[in-house]
Amino acid sequence: MPSLREVQIRFSAAVLATDGTAPAFARGDAATAAERMAIYRRTIRSNYRNALGATYPVLKRLLGMRLFNAAVDAYVEAEPSRSGDLNVYGDAFDDFLARYAPAAEWPWLPDVARLEWAIDEASRAQDSTAEPDVVLGALTVLPADKLPGLTLKLDPSCRLIASAFPLLRIWQVNQPDHGGETNVDWSAGRDHLRVRRERPGAAIDGVAIERLPAGDFAFLSALVGSALGEAIERAQDADAQFDLSTALHGFIGDGTIAGIGDTM
């Protein structure tokens, strides 16, 4: 007799099988078993489509309902959920779209998915407890020889997205409340975006998306896993005019840099 785990694995495989297919373990009439299994398949597919549709509304708009649902179905088969919470499912949708043949004519779609996932993650991230004055004060009293090896922590909600396409414009013109021109200047060049949930009381409520200069973007990106000295070098490589003092005061002041870590 198969174990409970084996039965669960067989049932999961049957749910993801082609419509009209009876599960191998079914007893009795195969057609009836296939019809019953189809109920589970429709319900589960609908749940996945709804969950990813809520996370990726711009992708859904760009692809249209039919192609979006087909992409979700294919994604679920290729990348099964490993969590019971569908709110955190979809982190690999960008990479999937990059190799999904029906979407190949729209090479910017994976970047749209990355941006929408970053927005979703930012909205779910824990709140930062950092006080800009405290962070800046702690930084100014450190010995100068300690600064290159210092690590800085970003706001937990901060996400950084680089794209070869005018990504922010694509996202903006596909918002439900967008008015005016919807044209996208495809020659506009690269986008370097910071996605972050604004602090309570900030001028913008909720998740904000902002373009950053190449040097600032390289600086923040390098702070994820590298020390301050390395981050400065990368920023100056990206933009010779990068100014460390301006960047530190700006990013600490607006809460993007939310703390000081260990020295490497």
C-alpha atoms as a PDB file:
ATOM      1  CA  MET A   1       0.000   0.000   0.000  1.00  0.00           C
ATOM      2  CA  PRO A   2       1.429   3.447  -0.924  1.00  0.00           C
ATOM      3  CA  SER A   3       2.322   5.824   1.887  1.00  0.00           C
ATOM      4  CA  LEU A   4       0.429   9.065   2.495  1.00  0.00           C
ATOM      5  CA  ARG A   5       3.289  11.028   0.970  1.00  0.00           C
ATOM      6  CA  GLU A   6       3.204   8.910  -2.180  1.00  0.00           C
ATOM      7  CA  VAL A   7      -0.563   9.417  -2.490  1.00  0.00           C
ATOM      8  CA  GLN A   8      -0.118  13.177  -2.098  1.00  0.00           C
ATOM      9  CA  ILE A   9       2.593  13.261  -4.761  1.00  0.00           C
ATOM     10  CA  ARG A  10       0.412  11.276  -7.175  1.00  0.00           C
ATOM     11  CA  PHE A  11      -2.560  13.534  -6.518  1.00  0.00           C
ATOM     12  CA  SER A  12      -0.478  16.678  -7.076  1.00  0.00           C
ATOM     13  CA  ALA A  13       0.808  15.287 -10.367  1.00  0.00           C
ATOM     14  CA  ALA A  14      -2.745  14.436 -11.429  1.00  0.00           C
ATOM     15  CA  VAL A  15      -3.955  17.966 -10.659  1.00  0.00           C
ATOM     16  CA  LEU A  16      -1.253  19.440 -12.903  1.00  0.00           C
ATOM     17  CA  ALA A  17      -1.857  16.930 -15.717  1.00  0.00           C
ATOM     18  CA  THR A  18      -3.624  17.700 -18.981  1.00  0.00           C
ATOM     19  CA  ASP A  19      -7.378  18.272 -18.855  1.00  0.00           C
ATOM     20  CA  GLY A  20      -9.370  15.152 -19.622  1.00  0.00           C
ATOM     21  CA  THR A  21      -6.747  12.920 -18.073  1.00  0.00           C
ATOM     22  CA  ALA A  22      -7.865  10.523 -15.369  1.00  0.00           C
ATOM     23  CA  PRO A  23      -5.449  10.026 -12.476  1.00  0.00           C
ATOM     24  CA  ALA A  24      -3.491   6.777 -12.669  1.00  0.00           C
ATOM     25  CA  PHE A  25      -4.732   5.769  -9.234  1.00  0.00           C
ATOM     26  CA  ALA A  26      -8.430   6.282 -10.088  1.00  0.00           C
ATOM     27  CA  ARG A  27     -10.817   3.382  -9.763  1.00  0.00           C
ATOM     28  CA  GLY A  28     -13.955   2.830 -11.780  1.00  0.00           C
ATOM     29  CA  ASP A  29     -14.960   4.771 -14.895  1.00  0.00           C
ATOM     30  CA  ALA A  30     -12.013   6.758 -16.248  1.00  0.00           C
ATOM     31  CA  ALA A  31     -14.211   9.451 -17.827  1.00  0.00           C
ATOM     32  CA  THR A  32     -15.983  10.140 -14.541  1.00  0.00           C
ATOM     33  CA  ALA A  33     -12.674  10.277 -12.691  1.00  0.00           C
ATOM     34  CA  ALA A  34     -11.327  12.732 -15.272  1.00  0.00           C
ATOM     35  CA  GLU A  35     -14.367  14.990 -14.864  1.00  0.00           C
ATOM     36  CA  ARG A  36     -13.975  15.025 -11.088  1.00  0.00           C
ATOM     37  CA  MET A  37     -10.276  15.785 -11.352  1.00  0.00           C
ATOM     38  CA  ALA A  38     -11.067  18.629 -13.764  1.00  0.00           C
ATOM     39  CA  ILE A  39     -12.934  20.396 -10.945  1.00  0.00           C
ATOM     40  CA  TYR A  40      -9.775  20.458  -8.862  1.00  0.00           C
ATOM     41  CA  ARG A  41      -7.728  21.602 -11.854  1.00  0.00           C
ATOM     42  CA  ARG A  42     -10.037  24.513 -12.673  1.00  0.00           C
ATOM     43  CA  THR A  43     -10.155  25.681  -9.065  1.00  0.00           C
ATOM     44  CA  ILE A  44      -6.414  25.511  -8.581  1.00  0.00           C
ATOM     45  CA  ARG A  45      -5.654  27.216 -11.883  1.00  0.00           C
ATOM     46  CA  SER A  46      -8.118  29.966 -11.050  1.00  0.00           C
ATOM     47  CA  ASN A  47      -6.441  30.511  -7.681  1.00  0.00           C
ATOM     48  CA  TYR A  48      -2.995  30.788  -9.252  1.00  0.00           C
ATOM     49  CA  ARG A  49      -4.243  33.111 -12.003  1.00  0.00           C
ATOM     50  CA  ASN A  50      -5.953  35.377  -9.494  1.00  0.00           C
ATOM     51  CA  ALA A  51      -2.932  35.462  -7.181  1.00  0.00           C
ATOM     52  CA  LEU A  52      -0.426  36.292  -9.911  1.00  0.00           C
ATOM     53  CA  GLY A  53      -2.883  38.669 -11.556  1.00  0.00           C
ATOM     54  CA  ALA A  54      -2.957  40.673  -8.318  1.00  0.00           C
ATOM     55  CA  THR A  55       0.847  40.739  -8.159  1.00  0.00           C
ATOM     56  CA  TYR A  56       1.399  41.459 -11.865  1.00  0.00           C
ATOM     57  CA  PRO A  57      -1.438  43.768 -13.033  1.00  0.00           C
ATOM     58  CA  VAL A  58       0.698  45.540 -15.659  1.00  0.00           C
ATOM     59  CA  LEU A  59       1.870  42.230 -17.121  1.00  0.00           C
ATOM     60  CA  LYS A  60      -1.742  41.112 -17.254  1.00  0.00           C
ATOM     61  CA  ARG A  61      -2.690  44.285 -19.100  1.00  0.00           C
ATOM     62  CA  LEU A  62       0.202  43.997 -21.562  1.00  0.00           C
ATOM     63  CA  LEU A  63      -0.323  40.324 -22.346  1.00  0.00           C
ATOM     64  CA  GLY A  64      -4.107  40.282 -22.240  1.00  0.00           C
ATOM     65  CA  MET A  65      -6.175  37.866 -20.213  1.00  0.00           C
ATOM     66  CA  ARG A  66      -5.799  34.851 -22.505  1.00  0.00           C
ATOM     67  CA  LEU A  67      -2.006  34.937 -22.905  1.00  0.00           C
ATOM     68  CA  PHE A  68      -1.452  35.928 -19.280  1.00  0.00           C
ATOM     69  CA  ASN A  69      -3.488  32.970 -18.033  1.00  0.00           C
ATOM     70  CA  ALA A  70      -1.629  30.642 -20.383  1.00  0.00           C
ATOM     71  CA  ALA A  71       1.694  31.997 -19.098  1.00  0.00           C
ATOM     72  CA  VAL A  72       0.600  31.505 -15.484  1.00  0.00           C
ATOM     73  CA  ASP A  73      -0.495  27.921 -16.191  1.00  0.00           C
ATOM     74  CA  ALA A  74       2.855  27.159 -17.829  1.00  0.00           C
ATOM     75  CA  TYR A  75       4.722  28.838 -14.975  1.00  0.00           C
ATOM     76  CA  VAL A  76       2.874  26.822 -12.335  1.00  0.00           C
ATOM     77  CA  GLU A  77       3.848  23.640 -14.125  1.00  0.00           C
ATOM     78  CA  ALA A  78       7.492  24.718 -14.464  1.00  0.00           C
ATOM     79  CA  GLU A  79       7.854  26.296 -11.010  1.00  0.00           C
ATOM     80  CA  PRO A  80       5.425  24.645  -8.544  1.00  0.00           C
ATOM     81  CA  SER A  81       4.650  26.575  -5.380  1.00  0.00           C
ATOM     82  CA  ARG A  82       6.640  25.512  -2.330  1.00  0.00           C
ATOM     83  CA  SER A  83       4.531  27.490   0.109  1.00  0.00           C
ATOM     84  CA  GLY A  84       0.933  27.415   1.217  1.00  0.00           C
ATOM     85  CA  ASP A  85       0.785  31.219   0.885  1.00  0.00           C
ATOM     86  CA  LEU A  86       0.092  32.293  -2.700  1.00  0.00           C
ATOM     87  CA  ASN A  87       0.802  35.899  -1.712  1.00  0.00           C
ATOM     88  CA  VAL A  88       4.508  35.104  -1.834  1.00  0.00           C
ATOM     89  CA  TYR A  89       4.371  32.996  -5.003  1.00  0.00           C
ATOM     90  CA  GLY A  90       5.756  34.316  -8.255  1.00  0.00           C
ATOM     91  CA  ASP A  91       9.335  35.318  -7.477  1.00  0.00           C
ATOM     92  CA  ALA A  92      10.697  33.454 -10.518  1.00  0.00           C
ATOM     93  CA  PHE A  93       8.075  34.691 -12.994  1.00  0.00           C
ATOM     94  CA  ASP A  94      10.554  37.151 -14.535  1.00  0.00           C
ATOM     95  CA  ASP A  95      13.088  34.443 -15.380  1.00  0.00           C
ATOM     96  CA  PHE A  96      10.300  32.209 -16.663  1.00  0.00           C
ATOM     97  CA  LEU A  97       9.038  34.917 -19.028  1.00  0.00           C
ATOM     98  CA  ALA A  98      12.559  35.376 -20.386  1.00  0.00           C
ATOM     99  CA  ARG A  99      12.411  31.824 -21.749  1.00  0.00           C
ATOM    100  CA  TYR A 100       8.667  31.645 -22.463  1.00  0.00           C
ATOM    101  CA  ALA A 101       8.450  31.404 -26.256  1.00  0.00           C
ATOM    102  CA  PRO A 102       4.987  33.023 -26.754  1.00  0.00           C
ATOM    103  CA  ALA A 103       6.284  36.213 -25.065  1.00  0.00           C
ATOM    104  CA  ALA A 104       9.596  36.377 -26.950  1.00  0.00           C
ATOM    105  CA  GLU A 105       8.503  39.315 -29.130  1.00  0.00           C
ATOM    106  CA  TRP A 106       8.257  41.534 -26.016  1.00  0.00           C
ATOM    107  CA  PRO A 107      11.775  41.399 -24.510  1.00  0.00           C
ATOM    108  CA  TRP A 108      10.929  44.004 -21.850  1.00  0.00           C
ATOM    109  CA  LEU A 109       8.321  41.787 -20.152  1.00  0.00           C
ATOM    110  CA  PRO A 110      10.791  40.096 -17.755  1.00  0.00           C
ATOM    111  CA  ASP A 111      11.858  43.538 -16.507  1.00  0.00           C
ATOM    112  CA  VAL A 112       8.226  44.543 -16.015  1.00  0.00           C
ATOM    113  CA  ALA A 113       7.825  41.392 -13.936  1.00  0.00           C
ATOM    114  CA  ARG A 114      10.926  42.262 -11.887  1.00  0.00           C
ATOM    115  CA  LEU A 115       9.555  45.722 -11.184  1.00  0.00           C
ATOM    116  CA  GLU A 116       6.135  44.443 -10.164  1.00  0.00           C
ATOM    117  CA  TRP A 117       7.663  41.788  -7.910  1.00  0.00           C
ATOM    118  CA  ALA A 118       9.861  44.479  -6.331  1.00  0.00           C
ATOM    119  CA  ILE A 119       6.744  46.567  -5.658  1.00  0.00           C
ATOM    120  CA  ASP A 120       5.060  43.544  -4.099  1.00  0.00           C
ATOM    121  CA  GLU A 121       8.079  42.761  -1.919  1.00  0.00           C
ATOM    122  CA  ALA A 122       8.421  46.384  -0.844  1.00  0.00           C
ATOM    123  CA  SER A 123       4.798  46.488   0.232  1.00  0.00           C
ATOM    124  CA  ARG A 124       5.282  43.360   2.376  1.00  0.00           C
ATOM    125  CA  ALA A 125       8.669  44.243   3.868  1.00  0.00           C
ATOM    126  CA  GLN A 126       9.081  44.978   7.539  1.00  0.00           C
ATOM    127  CA  ASP A 127       9.146  48.597   8.675  1.00  0.00           C
ATOM    128  CA  SER A 128      12.462  50.319   9.178  1.00  0.00           C
ATOM    129  CA  THR A 129      13.114  51.613  12.684  1.00  0.00           C
ATOM    130  CA  ALA A 130      16.100  53.734  11.686  1.00  0.00           C
ATOM    131  CA  GLU A 131      16.340  57.405  12.606  1.00  0.00           C
ATOM    132  CA  PRO A 132      18.349  59.380  10.005  1.00  0.00           C
ATOM    133  CA  ASP A 133      19.972  61.635  12.619  1.00  0.00           C
ATOM    134  CA  VAL A 134      21.119  58.626  14.627  1.00  0.00           C
ATOM    135  CA  VAL A 135      22.576  56.878  11.563  1.00  0.00           C
ATOM    136  CA  LEU A 136      24.361  59.998  10.354  1.00  0.00           C
ATOM    137  CA  GLY A 137      25.667  60.742  13.837  1.00  0.00           C
ATOM    138  CA  ALA A 138      27.074  57.244  14.248  1.00  0.00           C
ATOM    139  CA  LEU A 139      28.766  57.516  10.867  1.00  0.00           C
ATOM    140  CA  THR A 140      30.451  60.841  11.579  1.00  0.00           C
ATOM    141  CA  VAL A 141      32.144  59.672  14.794  1.00  0.00           C
ATOM    142  CA  LEU A 142      33.807  56.632  13.205  1.00  0.00           C
ATOM    143  CA  PRO A 143      37.573  56.832  12.584  1.00  0.00           C
ATOM    144  CA  ALA A 144      38.407  57.615   8.963  1.00  0.00           C
ATOM    145  CA  ASP A 145      40.450  54.423   8.548  1.00  0.00           C
ATOM    146  CA  LYS A 146      37.386  52.342   9.411  1.00  0.00           C
ATOM    147  CA  LEU A 147      35.137  53.835   6.739  1.00  0.00           C
ATOM    148  CA  PRO A 148      36.292  51.835   3.651  1.00  0.00           C
ATOM    149  CA  GLY A 149      35.493  48.528   5.357  1.00  0.00           C
ATOM    150  CA  LEU A 150      32.208  49.670   6.818  1.00  0.00           C
ATOM    151  CA  THR A 151      28.943  48.064   5.724  1.00  0.00           C
ATOM    152  CA  LEU A 152      25.717  50.036   5.477  1.00  0.00           C
ATOM    153  CA  LYS A 153      22.219  48.579   5.666  1.00  0.00           C
ATOM    154  CA  LEU A 154      19.450  49.533   3.270  1.00  0.00           C
ATOM    155  CA  ASP A 155      15.818  49.998   4.234  1.00  0.00           C
ATOM    156  CA  PRO A 156      14.211  46.500   4.332  1.00  0.00           C
ATOM    157  CA  SER A 157      11.734  47.555   1.648  1.00  0.00           C
ATOM    158  CA  CYS A 158      14.351  48.925  -0.759  1.00  0.00           C
ATOM    159  CA  ARG A 159      14.680  47.148  -4.109  1.00  0.00           C
ATOM    160  CA  LEU A 160      16.896  48.162  -7.044  1.00  0.00           C
ATOM    161  CA  ILE A 161      15.961  47.390 -10.646  1.00  0.00           C
ATOM    162  CA  ALA A 162      18.150  48.040 -13.699  1.00  0.00           C
ATOM    163  CA  SER A 163      16.652  47.748 -17.168  1.00  0.00           C
ATOM    164  CA  ALA A 164      17.828  48.296 -20.724  1.00  0.00           C
ATOM    165  CA  PHE A 165      14.331  49.624 -21.486  1.00  0.00           C
ATOM    166  CA  PRO A 166      12.346  52.710 -20.365  1.00  0.00           C
ATOM    167  CA  LEU A 167      10.813  50.551 -17.673  1.00  0.00           C
ATOM    168  CA  LEU A 168       9.263  53.240 -15.500  1.00  0.00           C
ATOM    169  CA  ARG A 169       7.458  54.767 -18.474  1.00  0.00           C
ATOM    170  CA  ILE A 170       6.111  51.351 -19.523  1.00  0.00           C
ATOM    171  CA  TRP A 171       4.801  50.837 -16.013  1.00  0.00           C
ATOM    172  CA  GLN A 172       3.346  54.351 -15.731  1.00  0.00           C
ATOM    173  CA  VAL A 173       1.346  54.321 -18.969  1.00  0.00           C
ATOM    174  CA  ASN A 174      -0.227  51.009 -18.000  1.00  0.00           C
ATOM    175  CA  GLN A 175      -1.654  52.237 -14.703  1.00  0.00           C
ATOM    176  CA  PRO A 176      -5.477  52.316 -14.449  1.00  0.00           C
ATOM    177  CA  ASP A 177      -5.474  56.011 -13.552  1.00  0.00           C
ATOM    178  CA  HIS A 178      -2.969  57.091 -16.197  1.00  0.00           C
ATOM    179  CA  GLY A 179      -4.142  60.031 -18.277  1.00  0.00           C
ATOM    180  CA  GLY A 180      -2.635  61.684 -21.322  1.00  0.00           C
ATOM    181  CA  GLU A 181      -0.144  60.274 -23.779  1.00  0.00           C
ATOM    182  CA  THR A 182       0.667  56.584 -23.669  1.00  0.00           C
ATOM    183  CA  ASN A 183       3.593  56.641 -26.097  1.00  0.00           C
ATOM    184  CA  VAL A 184       6.847  55.062 -24.956  1.00  0.00           C
ATOM    185  CA  ASP A 185      10.152  56.435 -26.227  1.00  0.00           C
ATOM    186  CA  TRP A 186      12.068  53.223 -26.783  1.00  0.00           C
ATOM    187  CA  SER A 187      15.264  55.188 -27.455  1.00  0.00           C
ATOM    188  CA  ALA A 188      15.217  56.735 -23.970  1.00  0.00           C
ATOM    189  CA  GLY A 189      17.939  54.391 -22.750  1.00  0.00           C
ATOM    190  CA  ARG A 190      18.466  52.475 -19.536  1.00  0.00           C
ATOM    191  CA  ASP A 191      16.429  52.886 -16.394  1.00  0.00           C
ATOM    192  CA  HIS A 192      17.916  52.608 -12.908  1.00  0.00           C
ATOM    193  CA  LEU A 193      15.052  52.409 -10.436  1.00  0.00           C
ATOM    194  CA  ARG A 194      14.731  52.446  -6.674  1.00  0.00           C
ATOM    195  CA  VAL A 195      11.559  50.880  -5.297  1.00  0.00           C
ATOM    196  CA  ARG A 196      10.831  51.595  -1.658  1.00  0.00           C
ATOM    197  CA  ARG A 197       7.966  51.899   0.765  1.00  0.00           C
ATOM    198  CA  GLU A 198       7.841  55.450   2.032  1.00  0.00           C
ATOM    199  CA  ARG A 199       8.083  56.190   5.731  1.00  0.00           C
ATOM    200  CA  PRO A 200       4.877  57.170   7.568  1.00  0.00           C
ATOM    201  CA  GLY A 201       4.282  60.880   7.100  1.00  0.00           C
ATOM    202  CA  ALA A 202       6.277  61.084   3.870  1.00  0.00           C
ATOM    203  CA  ALA A 203       4.909  63.123   0.989  1.00  0.00           C
ATOM    204  CA  ILE A 204       4.196  59.933  -0.965  1.00  0.00           C
ATOM    205  CA  ASP A 205       2.061  57.301   0.705  1.00  0.00           C
ATOM    206  CA  GLY A 206       2.810  53.676  -0.066  1.00  0.00           C
ATOM    207  CA  VAL A 207       5.458  52.328  -2.455  1.00  0.00           C
ATOM    208  CA  ALA A 208       7.447  54.887  -4.437  1.00  0.00           C
ATOM    209  CA  ILE A 209       9.407  54.257  -7.639  1.00  0.00           C
ATOM    210  CA  GLU A 210      12.166  56.675  -8.549  1.00  0.00           C
ATOM    211  CA  ARG A 211      14.807  56.920 -11.250  1.00  0.00           C
ATOM    212  CA  LEU A 212      18.348  57.225  -9.935  1.00  0.00           C
ATOM    213  CA  PRO A 213      21.525  58.510 -11.602  1.00  0.00           C
ATOM    214  CA  ALA A 214      23.841  55.697 -12.660  1.00  0.00           C
ATOM    215  CA  GLY A 215      26.370  56.486  -9.931  1.00  0.00           C
ATOM    216  CA  ASP A 216      23.807  56.537  -7.132  1.00  0.00           C
ATOM    217  CA  PHE A 217      22.310  53.291  -8.383  1.00  0.00           C
ATOM    218  CA  ALA A 218      25.719  51.595  -8.548  1.00  0.00           C
ATOM    219  CA  PHE A 219      26.503  52.855  -5.042  1.00  0.00           C
ATOM    220  CA  LEU A 220      23.334  51.473  -3.470  1.00  0.00           C
ATOM    221  CA  SER A 221      23.579  48.217  -5.408  1.00  0.00           C
ATOM    222  CA  ALA A 222      27.128  47.669  -4.189  1.00  0.00           C
ATOM    223  CA  LEU A 223      26.117  48.253  -0.579  1.00  0.00           C
ATOM    224  CA  VAL A 224      24.163  45.005  -0.813  1.00  0.00           C
ATOM    225  CA  GLY A 225      26.992  42.641   0.078  1.00  0.00           C
ATOM    226  CA  SER A 226      29.979  44.977  -0.218  1.00  0.00           C
ATOM    227  CA  ALA A 227      31.713  47.473   2.044  1.00  0.00           C
ATOM    228  CA  LEU A 228      31.617  51.245   1.639  1.00  0.00           C
ATOM    229  CA  GLY A 229      34.987  51.470  -0.097  1.00  0.00           C
ATOM    230  CA  GLU A 230      33.922  49.012  -2.815  1.00  0.00           C
ATOM    231  CA  ALA A 231      30.596  50.831  -3.216  1.00  0.00           C
ATOM    232  CA  ILE A 232      32.390  54.139  -3.764  1.00  0.00           C
ATOM    233  CA  GLU A 233      34.616  52.616  -6.445  1.00  0.00           C
ATOM    234  CA  ARG A 234      31.656  51.139  -8.308  1.00  0.00           C
ATOM    235  CA  ALA A 235      29.760  54.413  -8.116  1.00  0.00           C
ATOM    236  CA  GLN A 236      32.704  56.373  -9.522  1.00  0.00           C
ATOM    237  CA  ASP A 237      33.168  53.809 -12.285  1.00  0.00           C
ATOM    238  CA  ALA A 238      29.539  54.354 -13.272  1.00  0.00           C
ATOM    239  CA  ASP A 239      29.692  58.144 -12.944  1.00  0.00           C
ATOM    240  CA  ALA A 240      32.915  60.111 -12.488  1.00  0.00           C
ATOM    241  CA  GLN A 241      30.877  62.975 -10.991  1.00  0.00           C
ATOM    242  CA  PHE A 242      29.512  60.850  -8.156  1.00  0.00           C
ATOM    243  CA  ASP A 243      29.756  62.731  -4.861  1.00  0.00           C
ATOM    244  CA  LEU A 244      29.892  60.586  -1.726  1.00  0.00           C
ATOM    245  CA  SER A 245      28.890  63.297   0.725  1.00  0.00           C
ATOM    246  CA  THR A 246      25.807  64.237  -1.266  1.00  0.00           C
ATOM    247  CA  ALA A 247      24.803  60.595  -1.697  1.00  0.00           C
ATOM    248  CA  LEU A 248      25.239  59.712   1.971  1.00  0.00           C
ATOM    249  CA  HIS A 249      23.335  62.718   3.256  1.00  0.00           C
ATOM    250  CA  GLY A 250      20.573  62.188   0.719  1.00  0.00           C
ATOM    251  CA  PHE A 251      20.124  58.458   1.217  1.00  0.00           C
ATOM    252  CA  ILE A 252      20.434  58.586   4.983  1.00  0.00           C
ATOM    253  CA  GLY A 253      18.090  61.559   5.116  1.00  0.00           C
ATOM    254  CA  ASP A 254      15.333  59.874   3.126  1.00  0.00           C
ATOM    255  CA  GLY A 255      15.759  56.552   4.924  1.00  0.00           C
ATOM    256  CA  THR A 256      17.179  54.503   2.047  1.00  0.00           C
ATOM    257  CA  ILE A 257      20.304  53.827   4.126  1.00  0.00           C
ATOM    258  CA  ALA A 258      18.819  52.660   7.376  1.00  0.00           C
ATOM    259  CA  GLY A 259      21.706  51.493   9.510  1.00  0.00           C
ATOM    260  CA  ILE A 260      25.379  50.694   9.982  1.00  0.00           C
ATOM    261  CA  GLY A 261      26.608  47.123   9.903  1.00  0.00           C
ATOM    262  CA  ASP A 262      29.870  45.404  10.687  1.00  0.00           C
ATOM    263  CA  THR A 263      33.300  46.263   9.339  1.00  0.00           C
ATOM    264  CA  MET A 264      34.670  43.935   6.693  1.00  0.00           C
END
